[in-house]
Amino acid sequence: MAKTRTVVSRIAGGIQYGLGILSLVFAVLVYASPSIRNALAITHGEVYLYIFLFSVFGILSILSGSLLLREEK
């Protein structure tokens, strides 16, 4: 039972960590690429809100995923 829990915890942590990295990359792309902003219909005034939201989600996902990956034995 403990081994199954460890494996599931590591898989979930890896997925969370990966989603956090993708979220941070997407935040940078929204900031840097006008074509992505146009495709997503993000106005100039909303850019910083989206960057903030994606960055907060990314940082929290990375922290949560790293805690799951670095489970103490």
N, C-alpha and C. Protein backbone atom coordinates (compact mmCIF):
# COMPACT_ATOMS: atom_id res chain seq x y z
N MET A 1 0.82 -1.19 0.00
CA MET A 1 0.00 0.00 0.00
C MET A 1 0.87 1.26 0.00
N ALA A 2 1.93 1.25 0.77
CA ALA A 2 2.81 2.42 0.84
C ALA A 2 3.54 2.64 -0.47
N LYS A 3 3.91 1.55 -1.15
CA LYS A 3 4.60 1.68 -2.42
C LYS A 3 3.68 2.28 -3.49
N THR A 4 2.42 1.84 -3.50
CA THR A 4 1.44 2.39 -4.44
C THR A 4 1.22 3.88 -4.18
N ARG A 5 1.14 4.24 -2.92
CA ARG A 5 0.94 5.64 -2.57
C ARG A 5 2.13 6.48 -3.02
N THR A 6 3.32 5.97 -2.87
CA THR A 6 4.52 6.69 -3.29
C THR A 6 4.54 6.88 -4.80
N VAL A 7 4.18 5.83 -5.54
CA VAL A 7 4.19 5.92 -7.01
C VAL A 7 3.16 6.93 -7.48
N VAL A 8 1.95 6.86 -6.94
CA VAL A 8 0.89 7.80 -7.33
C VAL A 8 1.27 9.23 -6.94
N SER A 9 1.88 9.39 -5.78
CA SER A 9 2.31 10.70 -5.33
C SER A 9 3.37 11.27 -6.28
N ARG A 10 4.27 10.46 -6.71
CA ARG A 10 5.33 10.94 -7.63
C ARG A 10 4.77 11.27 -9.00
N ILE A 11 3.82 10.47 -9.48
CA ILE A 11 3.20 10.76 -10.77
C ILE A 11 2.42 12.08 -10.70
N ALA A 12 1.63 12.24 -9.65
CA ALA A 12 0.85 13.47 -9.49
C ALA A 12 1.78 14.68 -9.32
N GLY A 13 2.85 14.51 -8.57
CA GLY A 13 3.82 15.59 -8.40
C GLY A 13 4.49 15.98 -9.69
N GLY A 14 4.83 14.99 -10.50
CA GLY A 14 5.44 15.27 -11.79
C GLY A 14 4.51 16.00 -12.73
N ILE A 15 3.24 15.60 -12.72
CA ILE A 15 2.25 16.27 -13.56
C ILE A 15 2.05 17.71 -13.09
N GLN A 16 1.94 17.92 -11.79
CA GLN A 16 1.79 19.28 -11.27
C GLN A 16 2.99 20.14 -11.59
N TYR A 17 4.17 19.58 -11.43
CA TYR A 17 5.40 20.33 -11.72
C TYR A 17 5.44 20.72 -13.19
N GLY A 18 5.10 19.78 -14.06
CA GLY A 18 5.08 20.07 -15.49
C GLY A 18 4.06 21.13 -15.86
N LEU A 19 2.87 21.06 -15.27
CA LEU A 19 1.86 22.08 -15.54
C LEU A 19 2.29 23.46 -15.04
N GLY A 20 3.01 23.49 -13.95
CA GLY A 20 3.52 24.76 -13.44
C GLY A 20 4.53 25.38 -14.39
N ILE A 21 5.42 24.56 -14.91
CA ILE A 21 6.40 25.05 -15.89
C ILE A 21 5.70 25.54 -17.15
N LEU A 22 4.72 24.77 -17.64
CA LEU A 22 3.98 25.19 -18.83
C LEU A 22 3.22 26.49 -18.59
N SER A 23 2.68 26.66 -17.41
CA SER A 23 1.96 27.88 -17.09
C SER A 23 2.89 29.10 -17.10
N LEU A 24 4.08 28.94 -16.54
CA LEU A 24 5.04 30.05 -16.55
C LEU A 24 5.51 30.36 -17.97
N VAL A 25 5.73 29.34 -18.77
CA VAL A 25 6.12 29.56 -20.17
C VAL A 25 5.01 30.27 -20.93
N PHE A 26 3.77 29.85 -20.67
CA PHE A 26 2.64 30.49 -21.33
C PHE A 26 2.50 31.95 -20.91
N ALA A 27 2.79 32.26 -19.66
CA ALA A 27 2.74 33.65 -19.20
C ALA A 27 3.75 34.50 -19.94
N VAL A 28 4.93 33.96 -20.16
CA VAL A 28 5.96 34.70 -20.91
C VAL A 28 5.54 34.86 -22.37
N LEU A 29 4.94 33.81 -22.94
CA LEU A 29 4.49 33.91 -24.33
C LEU A 29 3.37 34.92 -24.50
N VAL A 30 2.46 35.00 -23.55
CA VAL A 30 1.39 36.00 -23.61
C VAL A 30 1.99 37.40 -23.56
N TYR A 31 3.01 37.57 -22.76
CA TYR A 31 3.65 38.88 -22.66
C TYR A 31 4.44 39.23 -23.92
N ALA A 32 5.14 38.28 -24.47
CA ALA A 32 6.09 38.56 -25.54
C ALA A 32 5.50 38.50 -26.95
N SER A 33 4.41 37.79 -27.14
CA SER A 33 3.92 37.54 -28.49
C SER A 33 2.56 38.21 -28.74
N PRO A 34 2.57 39.23 -29.57
CA PRO A 34 1.29 39.87 -29.92
C PRO A 34 0.35 38.93 -30.69
N SER A 35 0.90 38.01 -31.44
CA SER A 35 0.04 37.10 -32.20
C SER A 35 -0.75 36.16 -31.27
N ILE A 36 -0.14 35.74 -30.17
CA ILE A 36 -0.85 34.90 -29.20
C ILE A 36 -1.93 35.73 -28.51
N ARG A 37 -1.62 36.98 -28.18
CA ARG A 37 -2.62 37.85 -27.57
C ARG A 37 -3.81 38.07 -28.50
N ASN A 38 -3.53 38.23 -29.79
CA ASN A 38 -4.62 38.41 -30.76
C ASN A 38 -5.43 37.13 -30.91
N ALA A 39 -4.77 35.99 -30.91
CA ALA A 39 -5.48 34.72 -31.06
C ALA A 39 -6.38 34.45 -29.86
N LEU A 40 -5.95 34.86 -28.67
CA LEU A 40 -6.75 34.65 -27.46
C LEU A 40 -7.66 35.83 -27.14
N ALA A 41 -7.63 36.86 -27.97
CA ALA A 41 -8.45 38.07 -27.81
C ALA A 41 -8.20 38.73 -26.45
N ILE A 42 -6.93 38.87 -26.10
CA ILE A 42 -6.55 39.54 -24.85
C ILE A 42 -6.22 40.99 -25.19
N THR A 43 -6.91 41.91 -24.55
CA THR A 43 -6.64 43.33 -24.80
C THR A 43 -5.35 43.74 -24.10
N HIS A 44 -4.87 44.91 -24.49
CA HIS A 44 -3.60 45.40 -23.93
C HIS A 44 -3.71 45.61 -22.42
N GLY A 45 -4.86 46.02 -21.95
CA GLY A 45 -5.04 46.26 -20.51
C GLY A 45 -5.11 44.98 -19.69
N GLU A 46 -5.48 43.86 -20.32
CA GLU A 46 -5.61 42.59 -19.60
C GLU A 46 -4.33 41.77 -19.57
N VAL A 47 -3.32 42.18 -20.30
CA VAL A 47 -2.10 41.39 -20.41
C VAL A 47 -1.47 41.14 -19.04
N TYR A 48 -1.37 42.17 -18.23
CA TYR A 48 -0.71 42.01 -16.93
C TYR A 48 -1.53 41.16 -15.97
N LEU A 49 -2.85 41.19 -16.10
CA LEU A 49 -3.70 40.32 -15.29
C LEU A 49 -3.46 38.86 -15.64
N TYR A 50 -3.40 38.56 -16.94
CA TYR A 50 -3.14 37.19 -17.37
C TYR A 50 -1.74 36.73 -16.94
N ILE A 51 -0.77 37.61 -17.07
CA ILE A 51 0.60 37.26 -16.64
C ILE A 51 0.61 36.95 -15.15
N PHE A 52 -0.06 37.78 -14.36
CA PHE A 52 -0.11 37.57 -12.92
C PHE A 52 -0.79 36.24 -12.59
N LEU A 53 -1.94 35.99 -13.19
CA LEU A 53 -2.68 34.76 -12.90
C LEU A 53 -1.90 33.51 -13.30
N PHE A 54 -1.32 33.52 -14.50
CA PHE A 54 -0.55 32.36 -14.94
C PHE A 54 0.71 32.17 -14.10
N SER A 55 1.32 33.27 -13.68
CA SER A 55 2.54 33.15 -12.86
C SER A 55 2.22 32.61 -11.47
N VAL A 56 1.15 33.10 -10.86
CA VAL A 56 0.77 32.59 -9.53
C VAL A 56 0.40 31.12 -9.61
N PHE A 57 -0.40 30.75 -10.62
CA PHE A 57 -0.76 29.34 -10.79
C PHE A 57 0.49 28.49 -11.02
N GLY A 58 1.42 28.98 -11.84
CA GLY A 58 2.63 28.23 -12.13
C GLY A 58 3.51 28.04 -10.91
N ILE A 59 3.69 29.09 -10.14
CA ILE A 59 4.55 29.00 -8.95
C ILE A 59 3.93 28.06 -7.91
N LEU A 60 2.62 28.19 -7.69
CA LEU A 60 1.98 27.30 -6.72
C LEU A 60 1.99 25.84 -7.18
N SER A 61 1.83 25.62 -8.47
CA SER A 61 1.89 24.24 -8.99
C SER A 61 3.29 23.66 -8.86
N ILE A 62 4.30 24.46 -9.13
CA ILE A 62 5.68 23.98 -9.00
C ILE A 62 5.98 23.65 -7.55
N LEU A 63 5.58 24.51 -6.63
CA LEU A 63 5.83 24.25 -5.21
C LEU A 63 5.10 23.00 -4.73
N SER A 64 3.84 22.86 -5.11
CA SER A 64 3.06 21.71 -4.70
C SER A 64 3.63 20.43 -5.32
N GLY A 65 3.97 20.49 -6.59
CA GLY A 65 4.54 19.31 -7.26
C GLY A 65 5.89 18.91 -6.68
N SER A 66 6.71 19.89 -6.34
CA SER A 66 8.02 19.57 -5.78
C SER A 66 7.89 18.98 -4.37
N LEU A 67 6.86 19.40 -3.61
CA LEU A 67 6.63 18.79 -2.31
C LEU A 67 6.19 17.34 -2.46
N LEU A 68 5.37 17.06 -3.47
CA LEU A 68 4.97 15.67 -3.70
C LEU A 68 6.13 14.81 -4.19
N LEU A 69 6.99 15.40 -5.01
CA LEU A 69 8.14 14.65 -5.53
C LEU A 69 9.19 14.39 -4.46
N ARG A 70 9.33 15.32 -3.54
CA ARG A 70 10.34 15.21 -2.50
C ARG A 70 9.72 14.74 -1.19
N GLU A 71 8.97 13.70 -1.30
CA GLU A 71 8.28 13.15 -0.14
C GLU A 71 9.28 12.54 0.84
N GLU A 72 9.16 12.91 2.09
CA GLU A 72 10.06 12.36 3.12
C GLU A 72 9.65 10.93 3.45
N LYS A 73 10.63 10.11 3.70
CA LYS A 73 10.36 8.69 3.96
C LYS A 73 10.32 8.39 5.43
